[in-house]
Amino acid sequence: MRYETAFRVGPIGFRVGSDFAAPIATLRLLYAAYPRADIAHFTVRLPAAAAWRRFARRSVSIAGDYMLPDTAPLPLAQGLLAAEMAMNLQVALGHRRHLLLHASCVERDGRAFIMTGESGAGKSTLATLLGARGWRFMGDEFVLLDPLSGDVYAFPRLVSLKNEAIGVVERALPGERFGPLLRATPKGDIRHLVPPTAAIARMDEPARPAMVLFPVFGLERDVRTVGAAEAFVRLTQASTNYAALGERSFRALTDLVQRVPARAIDYPNGESGLAIVEALWGET
C-alpha cells in the first residue's frame, strides 16, 4: 500500500494501508491520541476496487488478513467507514485471546456495565452519554472478556454514531471531536466520535463486570430481571468467536452469568436511559 499508518486500540495493534491518501490522513487525525502499534496484530488494506478506479468513480475494497468474499467496495468518500469495518472484521474473525462480545461498555470504580443488543438498540449512544457523565468509556463495538480472570478489557475505537444518534450526541457533546459526516452509507448516515482522552489513556486498565444490560431504545420505560440461562443464550448470540474458543468460552460465559446480574431495560429517550443505568448502579 502506498499510504500507511499504525496504532493500537486496547490490546490490539493495527496497521492500515491504502492506495489513497485521504483515508489514511483521516485515520491519522482521528487516532492521533492513540499509541502507535509496536506490533501489528492485524493488517487492514484499502486498495482501489479496480485499477481504473484509482482515477474514475474512485472506490476502496475492504480487505486485510481476514476477508469476506462478498464484501462490496465503498466510495472513496466513505474510506473511513471502510477502514473501521475492516478493523472490526479482523478482530471478529481473528482475535482469540479474549471472548468477544458485540457490546458497549462503561466503567466506574473498577466495575463495568456491559450493554449488548441488536443494531439500533441504543447501546453506543447510551455508552457515549455515560462517558460524558463520569463513567469511563471502554468501547462501543467489542467487549473483550478474559476467559481466565473474568475481567473485561477496553476496546475504545472511534464511536460509530448512526442516523438520529448523531444529532443527539452532537447536542449533548458540542465540544468533542467528530469525524466527517458520511451520508447515505450502507448503514445510513454515520459520523465517528473520538472517545474522551481519559478513556484512551486508561484503555489498558481492565475492569470487573458488575452488570449485563440488554437495552432497547424507543419503548416505554421498563426494567426486567433476566435469568442466567436467558442471559447466557443472548450473550452467545452476541459473541463473534464463541464457537472458535470452544470450552474456554463456555466456561467464561457460565461464570459471567452466574456471578453478574442481568437486566433488560427499555427506555424512550437518552435521559430516561441514563437515569435507569444510574439507578441500577446503586444496586451493585
C-alpha atoms as a PDB file:
ATOM      1  CA  MET A   1       0.000   0.000   0.000  1.00  0.00           C
ATOM      2  CA  ARG A   2       1.249   3.465  -0.892  1.00  0.00           C
ATOM      3  CA  TYR A   3      -0.051   5.205   2.260  1.00  0.00           C
ATOM      4  CA  GLU A   4       0.077   3.654   5.722  1.00  0.00           C
ATOM      5  CA  THR A   5      -0.497   4.256   9.426  1.00  0.00           C
ATOM      6  CA  ALA A   6      -0.372   2.136  12.587  1.00  0.00           C
ATOM      7  CA  PHE A   7      -1.982   2.496  16.008  1.00  0.00           C
ATOM      8  CA  ARG A   8      -3.163   0.433  18.949  1.00  0.00           C
ATOM      9  CA  VAL A   9      -6.696   0.187  20.363  1.00  0.00           C
ATOM     10  CA  GLY A  10      -6.708  -1.552  23.735  1.00  0.00           C
ATOM     11  CA  PRO A  11      -4.558  -4.689  23.435  1.00  0.00           C
ATOM     12  CA  ILE A  12      -4.866  -4.876  19.625  1.00  0.00           C
ATOM     13  CA  GLY A  13      -2.460  -3.258  17.174  1.00  0.00           C
ATOM     14  CA  PHE A  14      -3.477  -2.345  13.632  1.00  0.00           C
ATOM     15  CA  ARG A  15      -1.554  -1.468  10.502  1.00  0.00           C
ATOM     16  CA  VAL A  16      -3.738   0.198   7.875  1.00  0.00           C
ATOM     17  CA  GLY A  17      -2.666   0.815   4.296  1.00  0.00           C
ATOM     18  CA  SER A  18      -4.387   2.265   1.243  1.00  0.00           C
ATOM     19  CA  ASP A  19      -3.813   3.202  -2.368  1.00  0.00           C
ATOM     20  CA  PHE A  20      -5.342   6.574  -1.471  1.00  0.00           C
ATOM     21  CA  ALA A  21      -4.038   9.289   0.838  1.00  0.00           C
ATOM     22  CA  ALA A  22      -7.407  10.534   2.128  1.00  0.00           C
ATOM     23  CA  PRO A  23      -8.484   7.590   4.337  1.00  0.00           C
ATOM     24  CA  ILE A  24      -5.043   7.365   5.949  1.00  0.00           C
ATOM     25  CA  ALA A  25      -4.938  11.117   6.600  1.00  0.00           C
ATOM     26  CA  THR A  26      -8.338  10.936   8.319  1.00  0.00           C
ATOM     27  CA  LEU A  27      -7.272   7.952  10.435  1.00  0.00           C
ATOM     28  CA  ARG A  28      -4.066   9.738  11.480  1.00  0.00           C
ATOM     29  CA  LEU A  29      -6.090  12.763  12.565  1.00  0.00           C
ATOM     30  CA  LEU A  30      -8.797  10.916  14.497  1.00  0.00           C
ATOM     31  CA  TYR A  31      -6.438   8.334  16.049  1.00  0.00           C
ATOM     32  CA  ALA A  32      -3.731  10.885  16.905  1.00  0.00           C
ATOM     33  CA  ALA A  33      -4.155  10.357  20.665  1.00  0.00           C
ATOM     34  CA  TYR A  34      -3.745   6.581  20.415  1.00  0.00           C
ATOM     35  CA  PRO A  35      -0.352   4.932  20.929  1.00  0.00           C
ATOM     36  CA  ARG A  36       1.478   3.702  17.866  1.00  0.00           C
ATOM     37  CA  ALA A  37       1.324  -0.064  17.479  1.00  0.00           C
ATOM     38  CA  ASP A  38       4.700  -1.647  18.230  1.00  0.00           C
ATOM     39  CA  ILE A  39       3.240  -4.921  16.978  1.00  0.00           C
ATOM     40  CA  ALA A  40       0.513  -5.004  14.339  1.00  0.00           C
ATOM     41  CA  HIS A  41      -1.702  -7.939  15.240  1.00  0.00           C
ATOM     42  CA  PHE A  42      -3.827  -7.270  12.162  1.00  0.00           C
ATOM     43  CA  THR A  43      -3.250  -5.631   8.810  1.00  0.00           C
ATOM     44  CA  VAL A  44      -6.054  -3.719   7.081  1.00  0.00           C
ATOM     45  CA  ARG A  45      -5.850  -2.925   3.388  1.00  0.00           C
ATOM     46  CA  LEU A  46      -7.978  -0.419   1.495  1.00  0.00           C
ATOM     47  CA  PRO A  47      -6.944  -0.922  -2.129  1.00  0.00           C
ATOM     48  CA  ALA A  48      -8.676   0.576  -5.122  1.00  0.00           C
ATOM     49  CA  ALA A  49     -11.576  -1.677  -6.132  1.00  0.00           C
ATOM     50  CA  ALA A  50     -10.016  -1.909  -9.604  1.00  0.00           C
ATOM     51  CA  ALA A  51      -7.009  -0.324 -11.292  1.00  0.00           C
ATOM     52  CA  TRP A  52      -9.146   2.175 -13.199  1.00  0.00           C
ATOM     53  CA  ARG A  53     -10.991   3.116 -10.000  1.00  0.00           C
ATOM     54  CA  ARG A  54      -7.897   4.928  -8.796  1.00  0.00           C
ATOM     55  CA  PHE A  55      -8.825   7.657 -11.289  1.00  0.00           C
ATOM     56  CA  ALA A  56     -12.583   7.447 -12.051  1.00  0.00           C
ATOM     57  CA  ARG A  57     -15.501   6.581  -9.743  1.00  0.00           C
ATOM     58  CA  ARG A  58     -12.877   6.056  -7.072  1.00  0.00           C
ATOM     59  CA  SER A  59     -13.733   3.369  -4.533  1.00  0.00           C
ATOM     60  CA  VAL A  60     -11.961   1.170  -1.986  1.00  0.00           C
ATOM     61  CA  SER A  61     -12.227  -2.511  -1.194  1.00  0.00           C
ATOM     62  CA  ILE A  62     -12.436  -3.773   2.389  1.00  0.00           C
ATOM     63  CA  ALA A  63      -9.528  -6.174   2.799  1.00  0.00           C
ATOM     64  CA  GLY A  64      -6.932  -7.413   5.262  1.00  0.00           C
ATOM     65  CA  ASP A  65      -5.622 -10.534   6.920  1.00  0.00           C
ATOM     66  CA  TYR A  66      -9.215 -11.758   7.103  1.00  0.00           C
ATOM     67  CA  MET A  67     -11.747 -11.117   4.362  1.00  0.00           C
ATOM     68  CA  LEU A  68     -15.328 -11.892   3.415  1.00  0.00           C
ATOM     69  CA  PRO A  69     -15.666 -12.706  -0.287  1.00  0.00           C
ATOM     70  CA  ASP A  70     -18.955 -10.874  -0.861  1.00  0.00           C
ATOM     71  CA  THR A  71     -17.992  -7.556   0.757  1.00  0.00           C
ATOM     72  CA  ALA A  72     -18.871  -4.720  -1.629  1.00  0.00           C
ATOM     73  CA  PRO A  73     -16.454  -1.802  -2.141  1.00  0.00           C
ATOM     74  CA  LEU A  74     -17.317   1.641  -0.808  1.00  0.00           C
ATOM     75  CA  PRO A  75     -16.866   5.062  -2.433  1.00  0.00           C
ATOM     76  CA  LEU A  76     -13.592   6.761  -1.554  1.00  0.00           C
ATOM     77  CA  ALA A  77     -15.576   9.428   0.339  1.00  0.00           C
ATOM     78  CA  GLN A  78     -16.559   6.630   2.748  1.00  0.00           C
ATOM     79  CA  GLY A  79     -12.992   5.423   3.197  1.00  0.00           C
ATOM     80  CA  LEU A  80     -13.081   5.984   6.965  1.00  0.00           C
ATOM     81  CA  LEU A  81     -16.105   3.696   7.231  1.00  0.00           C
ATOM     82  CA  ALA A  82     -14.307   1.096   5.102  1.00  0.00           C
ATOM     83  CA  ALA A  83     -11.319   1.236   7.468  1.00  0.00           C
ATOM     84  CA  GLU A  84     -13.478   0.841  10.570  1.00  0.00           C
ATOM     85  CA  MET A  85     -15.410  -2.047   9.009  1.00  0.00           C
ATOM     86  CA  ALA A  86     -12.157  -3.755   8.034  1.00  0.00           C
ATOM     87  CA  MET A  87     -10.711  -3.308  11.538  1.00  0.00           C
ATOM     88  CA  ASN A  88     -13.824  -4.788  13.113  1.00  0.00           C
ATOM     89  CA  LEU A  89     -13.735  -7.672  10.645  1.00  0.00           C
ATOM     90  CA  GLN A  90     -10.136  -8.535  11.561  1.00  0.00           C
ATOM     91  CA  VAL A  91     -10.982  -8.609  15.264  1.00  0.00           C
ATOM     92  CA  ALA A  92     -14.225 -10.557  14.796  1.00  0.00           C
ATOM     93  CA  LEU A  93     -12.631 -13.264  12.679  1.00  0.00           C
ATOM     94  CA  GLY A  94      -9.085 -13.375  14.004  1.00  0.00           C
ATOM     95  CA  HIS A  95      -8.900 -12.444  17.686  1.00  0.00           C
ATOM     96  CA  ARG A  96      -8.629 -15.445  20.015  1.00  0.00           C
ATOM     97  CA  ARG A  97      -7.075 -14.076  23.214  1.00  0.00           C
ATOM     98  CA  HIS A  98     -10.420 -12.902  24.610  1.00  0.00           C
ATOM     99  CA  LEU A  99     -14.054 -13.882  24.277  1.00  0.00           C
ATOM    100  CA  LEU A 100     -15.544 -11.167  22.090  1.00  0.00           C
ATOM    101  CA  LEU A 101     -18.963  -9.728  22.877  1.00  0.00           C
ATOM    102  CA  HIS A 102     -20.591  -7.356  20.407  1.00  0.00           C
ATOM    103  CA  ALA A 103     -21.421  -4.791  23.058  1.00  0.00           C
ATOM    104  CA  SER A 104     -20.656  -1.398  24.522  1.00  0.00           C
ATOM    105  CA  CYS A 105     -19.106  -0.990  27.951  1.00  0.00           C
ATOM    106  CA  VAL A 106     -18.635   1.668  30.624  1.00  0.00           C
ATOM    107  CA  GLU A 107     -16.808   1.533  33.942  1.00  0.00           C
ATOM    108  CA  ARG A 108     -16.912   3.272  37.299  1.00  0.00           C
ATOM    109  CA  ASP A 109     -14.837   2.480  40.390  1.00  0.00           C
ATOM    110  CA  GLY A 110     -13.347  -0.580  38.712  1.00  0.00           C
ATOM    111  CA  ARG A 111     -16.731  -2.123  37.910  1.00  0.00           C
ATOM    112  CA  ALA A 112     -18.103  -2.403  34.384  1.00  0.00           C
ATOM    113  CA  PHE A 113     -21.578  -2.392  32.878  1.00  0.00           C
ATOM    114  CA  ILE A 114     -21.775  -4.426  29.667  1.00  0.00           C
ATOM    115  CA  MET A 115     -24.568  -3.402  27.269  1.00  0.00           C
ATOM    116  CA  THR A 116     -25.475  -5.596  24.325  1.00  0.00           C
ATOM    117  CA  GLY A 117     -28.348  -5.729  21.869  1.00  0.00           C
ATOM    118  CA  GLU A 118     -29.278  -5.580  18.226  1.00  0.00           C
ATOM    119  CA  SER A 119     -28.239  -2.699  15.977  1.00  0.00           C
ATOM    120  CA  GLY A 120     -30.347   0.339  16.819  1.00  0.00           C
ATOM    121  CA  ALA A 121     -30.882  -0.683  20.448  1.00  0.00           C
ATOM    122  CA  GLY A 122     -29.052   2.463  21.533  1.00  0.00           C
ATOM    123  CA  LYS A 123     -26.095   0.849  23.293  1.00  0.00           C
ATOM    124  CA  SER A 124     -23.494   3.047  21.577  1.00  0.00           C
ATOM    125  CA  THR A 125     -25.373   6.263  22.296  1.00  0.00           C
ATOM    126  CA  LEU A 126     -26.006   5.261  25.897  1.00  0.00           C
ATOM    127  CA  ALA A 127     -22.342   4.381  26.490  1.00  0.00           C
ATOM    128  CA  THR A 128     -21.227   7.650  24.879  1.00  0.00           C
ATOM    129  CA  LEU A 129     -23.537   9.768  27.029  1.00  0.00           C
ATOM    130  CA  LEU A 130     -22.490   7.887  30.165  1.00  0.00           C
ATOM    131  CA  GLY A 131     -18.862   8.511  29.202  1.00  0.00           C
ATOM    132  CA  ALA A 132     -19.607  12.239  29.369  1.00  0.00           C
ATOM    133  CA  ARG A 133     -21.115  11.902  32.842  1.00  0.00           C
ATOM    134  CA  GLY A 134     -18.296  10.463  34.907  1.00  0.00           C
ATOM    135  CA  TRP A 135     -18.183   6.910  33.604  1.00  0.00           C
ATOM    136  CA  ARG A 136     -15.127   5.589  31.768  1.00  0.00           C
ATOM    137  CA  PHE A 137     -15.996   4.728  28.181  1.00  0.00           C
ATOM    138  CA  MET A 138     -14.497   1.306  27.379  1.00  0.00           C
ATOM    139  CA  GLY A 139     -15.893   0.752  23.889  1.00  0.00           C
ATOM    140  CA  ASP A 140     -18.988   0.519  21.721  1.00  0.00           C
ATOM    141  CA  GLU A 141     -18.150  -2.322  19.328  1.00  0.00           C
ATOM    142  CA  PHE A 142     -16.468  -5.146  21.238  1.00  0.00           C
ATOM    143  CA  VAL A 143     -16.111  -6.055  24.894  1.00  0.00           C
ATOM    144  CA  LEU A 144     -13.064  -8.270  25.465  1.00  0.00           C
ATOM    145  CA  LEU A 145     -13.739 -10.814  28.232  1.00  0.00           C
ATOM    146  CA  ASP A 146     -10.683 -12.561  29.648  1.00  0.00           C
ATOM    147  CA  PRO A 147     -11.555 -16.284  29.975  1.00  0.00           C
ATOM    148  CA  LEU A 148      -9.062 -16.737  32.828  1.00  0.00           C
ATOM    149  CA  SER A 149      -9.645 -13.752  35.099  1.00  0.00           C
ATOM    150  CA  GLY A 150     -13.222 -12.881  34.135  1.00  0.00           C
ATOM    151  CA  ASP A 151     -12.210  -9.225  33.727  1.00  0.00           C
ATOM    152  CA  VAL A 152     -13.142  -7.154  30.693  1.00  0.00           C
ATOM    153  CA  TYR A 153     -10.668  -5.127  28.646  1.00  0.00           C
ATOM    154  CA  ALA A 154     -11.336  -1.905  26.783  1.00  0.00           C
ATOM    155  CA  PHE A 155     -11.529  -1.522  23.015  1.00  0.00           C
ATOM    156  CA  PRO A 156     -12.277   2.221  22.737  1.00  0.00           C
ATOM    157  CA  ARG A 157     -12.026   2.716  18.985  1.00  0.00           C
ATOM    158  CA  LEU A 158     -13.906   5.584  17.341  1.00  0.00           C
ATOM    159  CA  VAL A 159     -17.585   5.637  18.323  1.00  0.00           C
ATOM    160  CA  SER A 160     -19.785   4.938  15.295  1.00  0.00           C
ATOM    161  CA  LEU A 161     -22.912   7.103  15.580  1.00  0.00           C
ATOM    162  CA  LYS A 162     -25.743   6.372  13.192  1.00  0.00           C
ATOM    163  CA  ASN A 163     -28.710   8.384  11.917  1.00  0.00           C
ATOM    164  CA  GLU A 164     -30.718  10.043  14.728  1.00  0.00           C
ATOM    165  CA  ALA A 165     -27.992   9.298  17.289  1.00  0.00           C
ATOM    166  CA  ILE A 166     -25.668  11.738  15.507  1.00  0.00           C
ATOM    167  CA  GLY A 167     -27.765  14.786  16.398  1.00  0.00           C
ATOM    168  CA  VAL A 168     -28.422  13.543  19.935  1.00  0.00           C
ATOM    169  CA  VAL A 169     -24.711  13.214  20.710  1.00  0.00           C
ATOM    170  CA  GLU A 170     -23.720  16.394  18.849  1.00  0.00           C
ATOM    171  CA  ARG A 171     -26.146  18.389  21.029  1.00  0.00           C
ATOM    172  CA  ALA A 172     -25.027  16.638  24.215  1.00  0.00           C
ATOM    173  CA  LEU A 173     -21.278  16.928  23.478  1.00  0.00           C
ATOM    174  CA  PRO A 174     -20.795  20.095  21.427  1.00  0.00           C
ATOM    175  CA  GLY A 175     -17.100  20.441  22.221  1.00  0.00           C
ATOM    176  CA  GLU A 176     -15.993  16.925  21.304  1.00  0.00           C
ATOM    177  CA  ARG A 177     -14.075  15.856  18.196  1.00  0.00           C
ATOM    178  CA  PHE A 178     -16.142  14.356  15.408  1.00  0.00           C
ATOM    179  CA  GLY A 179     -15.113  12.870  12.096  1.00  0.00           C
ATOM    180  CA  PRO A 180     -16.731  13.795   8.779  1.00  0.00           C
ATOM    181  CA  LEU A 181     -20.440  13.190   8.287  1.00  0.00           C
ATOM    182  CA  LEU A 182     -20.828  10.243   5.919  1.00  0.00           C
ATOM    183  CA  ARG A 183     -24.231  10.341   4.244  1.00  0.00           C
ATOM    184  CA  ALA A 184     -26.166   7.516   2.621  1.00  0.00           C
ATOM    185  CA  THR A 185     -23.754   4.727   3.534  1.00  0.00           C
ATOM    186  CA  PRO A 186     -24.986   1.096   3.572  1.00  0.00           C
ATOM    187  CA  LYS A 187     -25.681   1.694   7.287  1.00  0.00           C
ATOM    188  CA  GLY A 188     -27.368   5.077   6.813  1.00  0.00           C
ATOM    189  CA  ASP A 189     -25.785   8.367   7.879  1.00  0.00           C
ATOM    190  CA  ILE A 190     -22.692   7.838  10.040  1.00  0.00           C
ATOM    191  CA  ARG A 191     -20.411  10.133  11.989  1.00  0.00           C
ATOM    192  CA  HIS A 192     -17.496   8.963  14.107  1.00  0.00           C
ATOM    193  CA  LEU A 193     -16.659  10.420  17.501  1.00  0.00           C
ATOM    194  CA  VAL A 194     -13.228  10.356  19.143  1.00  0.00           C
ATOM    195  CA  PRO A 195     -13.603   8.882  22.657  1.00  0.00           C
ATOM    196  CA  PRO A 196     -12.630  11.034  25.660  1.00  0.00           C
ATOM    197  CA  THR A 197      -8.896  11.472  26.182  1.00  0.00           C
ATOM    198  CA  ALA A 198      -9.126   9.806  29.590  1.00  0.00           C
ATOM    199  CA  ALA A 199     -10.746   6.727  28.054  1.00  0.00           C
ATOM    200  CA  ILE A 200      -7.838   6.369  25.629  1.00  0.00           C
ATOM    201  CA  ALA A 201      -5.229   6.997  28.333  1.00  0.00           C
ATOM    202  CA  ARG A 202      -6.755   4.291  30.559  1.00  0.00           C
ATOM    203  CA  MET A 203      -7.564   1.733  27.884  1.00  0.00           C
ATOM    204  CA  ASP A 204      -5.049  -0.775  29.272  1.00  0.00           C
ATOM    205  CA  GLU A 205      -6.867  -0.938  32.632  1.00  0.00           C
ATOM    206  CA  PRO A 206      -9.247  -3.920  32.968  1.00  0.00           C
ATOM    207  CA  ALA A 207     -12.482  -3.805  34.955  1.00  0.00           C
ATOM    208  CA  ARG A 208     -14.633  -6.314  36.789  1.00  0.00           C
ATOM    209  CA  PRO A 209     -18.099  -6.898  35.264  1.00  0.00           C
ATOM    210  CA  ALA A 210     -20.831  -5.695  37.624  1.00  0.00           C
ATOM    211  CA  MET A 211     -23.956  -5.993  35.453  1.00  0.00           C
ATOM    212  CA  VAL A 212     -25.063  -7.042  31.970  1.00  0.00           C
ATOM    213  CA  LEU A 213     -27.707  -4.859  30.340  1.00  0.00           C
ATOM    214  CA  PHE A 214     -29.886  -5.599  27.315  1.00  0.00           C
ATOM    215  CA  PRO A 215     -31.144  -2.126  26.306  1.00  0.00           C
ATOM    216  CA  VAL A 216     -33.878  -1.323  23.794  1.00  0.00           C
ATOM    217  CA  PHE A 217     -34.387   2.283  22.749  1.00  0.00           C
ATOM    218  CA  GLY A 218     -37.756   3.801  21.840  1.00  0.00           C
ATOM    219  CA  LEU A 219     -40.044   1.831  24.162  1.00  0.00           C
ATOM    220  CA  GLU A 220     -41.875   2.818  27.313  1.00  0.00           C
ATOM    221  CA  ARG A 221     -39.623   2.738  30.362  1.00  0.00           C
ATOM    222  CA  ASP A 222     -39.272  -0.719  31.879  1.00  0.00           C
ATOM    223  CA  VAL A 223     -36.666  -2.758  33.757  1.00  0.00           C
ATOM    224  CA  ARG A 224     -36.820  -6.564  33.940  1.00  0.00           C
ATOM    225  CA  THR A 225     -34.583  -9.177  35.506  1.00  0.00           C
ATOM    226  CA  VAL A 226     -33.007 -11.577  33.016  1.00  0.00           C
ATOM    227  CA  GLY A 227     -32.254 -15.061  34.316  1.00  0.00           C
ATOM    228  CA  ALA A 228     -28.844 -16.665  33.970  1.00  0.00           C
ATOM    229  CA  ALA A 229     -29.974 -19.143  31.307  1.00  0.00           C
ATOM    230  CA  GLU A 230     -31.521 -16.454  29.101  1.00  0.00           C
ATOM    231  CA  ALA A 231     -28.528 -14.159  29.588  1.00  0.00           C
ATOM    232  CA  PHE A 232     -26.195 -16.992  28.586  1.00  0.00           C
ATOM    233  CA  VAL A 233     -28.085 -17.616  25.336  1.00  0.00           C
ATOM    234  CA  ARG A 234     -28.223 -13.911  24.485  1.00  0.00           C
ATOM    235  CA  LEU A 235     -24.506 -13.498  25.101  1.00  0.00           C
ATOM    236  CA  THR A 236     -23.573 -16.491  22.946  1.00  0.00           C
ATOM    237  CA  GLN A 237     -25.550 -14.837  20.151  1.00  0.00           C
ATOM    238  CA  ALA A 238     -23.656 -11.597  20.758  1.00  0.00           C
ATOM    239  CA  SER A 239     -20.242 -13.254  20.540  1.00  0.00           C
ATOM    240  CA  THR A 240     -18.329 -13.448  17.270  1.00  0.00           C
ATOM    241  CA  ASN A 241     -15.815 -16.063  18.434  1.00  0.00           C
ATOM    242  CA  TYR A 242     -17.781 -18.170  20.934  1.00  0.00           C
ATOM    243  CA  ALA A 243     -17.558 -21.317  18.804  1.00  0.00           C
ATOM    244  CA  ALA A 244     -13.904 -20.756  17.950  1.00  0.00           C
ATOM    245  CA  LEU A 245     -12.844 -20.641  21.616  1.00  0.00           C
ATOM    246  CA  GLY A 246     -14.743 -23.812  22.446  1.00  0.00           C
ATOM    247  CA  GLU A 247     -14.746 -24.860  26.102  1.00  0.00           C
ATOM    248  CA  ARG A 248     -12.967 -21.650  27.179  1.00  0.00           C
ATOM    249  CA  SER A 249     -15.900 -19.535  26.001  1.00  0.00           C
ATOM    250  CA  PHE A 250     -18.465 -21.825  27.622  1.00  0.00           C
ATOM    251  CA  ARG A 251     -16.721 -21.608  30.983  1.00  0.00           C
ATOM    252  CA  ALA A 252     -16.192 -17.853  30.712  1.00  0.00           C
ATOM    253  CA  LEU A 253     -19.847 -17.105  29.935  1.00  0.00           C
ATOM    254  CA  THR A 254     -21.108 -19.569  32.531  1.00  0.00           C
ATOM    255  CA  ASP A 255     -19.012 -17.834  35.165  1.00  0.00           C
ATOM    256  CA  LEU A 256     -20.156 -14.389  33.990  1.00  0.00           C
ATOM    257  CA  VAL A 257     -23.907 -15.055  34.117  1.00  0.00           C
ATOM    258  CA  GLN A 258     -23.662 -16.873  37.453  1.00  0.00           C
ATOM    259  CA  ARG A 259     -21.875 -14.066  39.284  1.00  0.00           C
ATOM    260  CA  VAL A 260     -23.175 -10.948  37.496  1.00  0.00           C
ATOM    261  CA  PRO A 261     -26.850  -9.837  37.457  1.00  0.00           C
ATOM    262  CA  ALA A 262     -28.522  -9.103  34.120  1.00  0.00           C
ATOM    263  CA  ARG A 263     -31.352  -6.677  33.311  1.00  0.00           C
ATOM    264  CA  ALA A 264     -33.372  -5.877  30.218  1.00  0.00           C
ATOM    265  CA  ILE A 265     -34.103  -2.164  30.033  1.00  0.00           C
ATOM    266  CA  ASP A 266     -36.500  -0.294  27.746  1.00  0.00           C
ATOM    267  CA  TYR A 267     -36.252   3.485  27.540  1.00  0.00           C
ATOM    268  CA  PRO A 268     -37.933   6.167  25.410  1.00  0.00           C
ATOM    269  CA  ASN A 269     -35.065   8.707  25.303  1.00  0.00           C
ATOM    270  CA  GLY A 270     -31.495   9.289  26.389  1.00  0.00           C
ATOM    271  CA  GLU A 271     -32.256  10.939  29.713  1.00  0.00           C
ATOM    272  CA  SER A 272     -34.511   8.067  30.723  1.00  0.00           C
ATOM    273  CA  GLY A 273     -31.839   5.533  29.782  1.00  0.00           C
ATOM    274  CA  LEU A 274     -29.196   7.388  31.779  1.00  0.00           C
ATOM    275  CA  ALA A 275     -31.465   7.532  34.819  1.00  0.00           C
ATOM    276  CA  ILE A 276     -32.113   3.787  34.635  1.00  0.00           C
ATOM    277  CA  VAL A 277     -28.401   2.965  34.460  1.00  0.00           C
ATOM    278  CA  GLU A 278     -27.616   5.266  37.383  1.00  0.00           C
ATOM    279  CA  ALA A 279     -30.380   3.634  39.428  1.00  0.00           C
ATOM    280  CA  LEU A 280     -29.068   0.155  38.606  1.00  0.00           C
ATOM    281  CA  TRP A 281     -25.583   1.257  39.596  1.00  0.00           C
ATOM    282  CA  GLY A 282     -26.951   1.894  43.053  1.00  0.00           C
ATOM    283  CA  GLU A 283     -27.959  -1.773  43.255  1.00  0.00           C
ATOM    284  CA  THR A 284     -24.476  -3.146  42.627  1.00  0.00           C
END
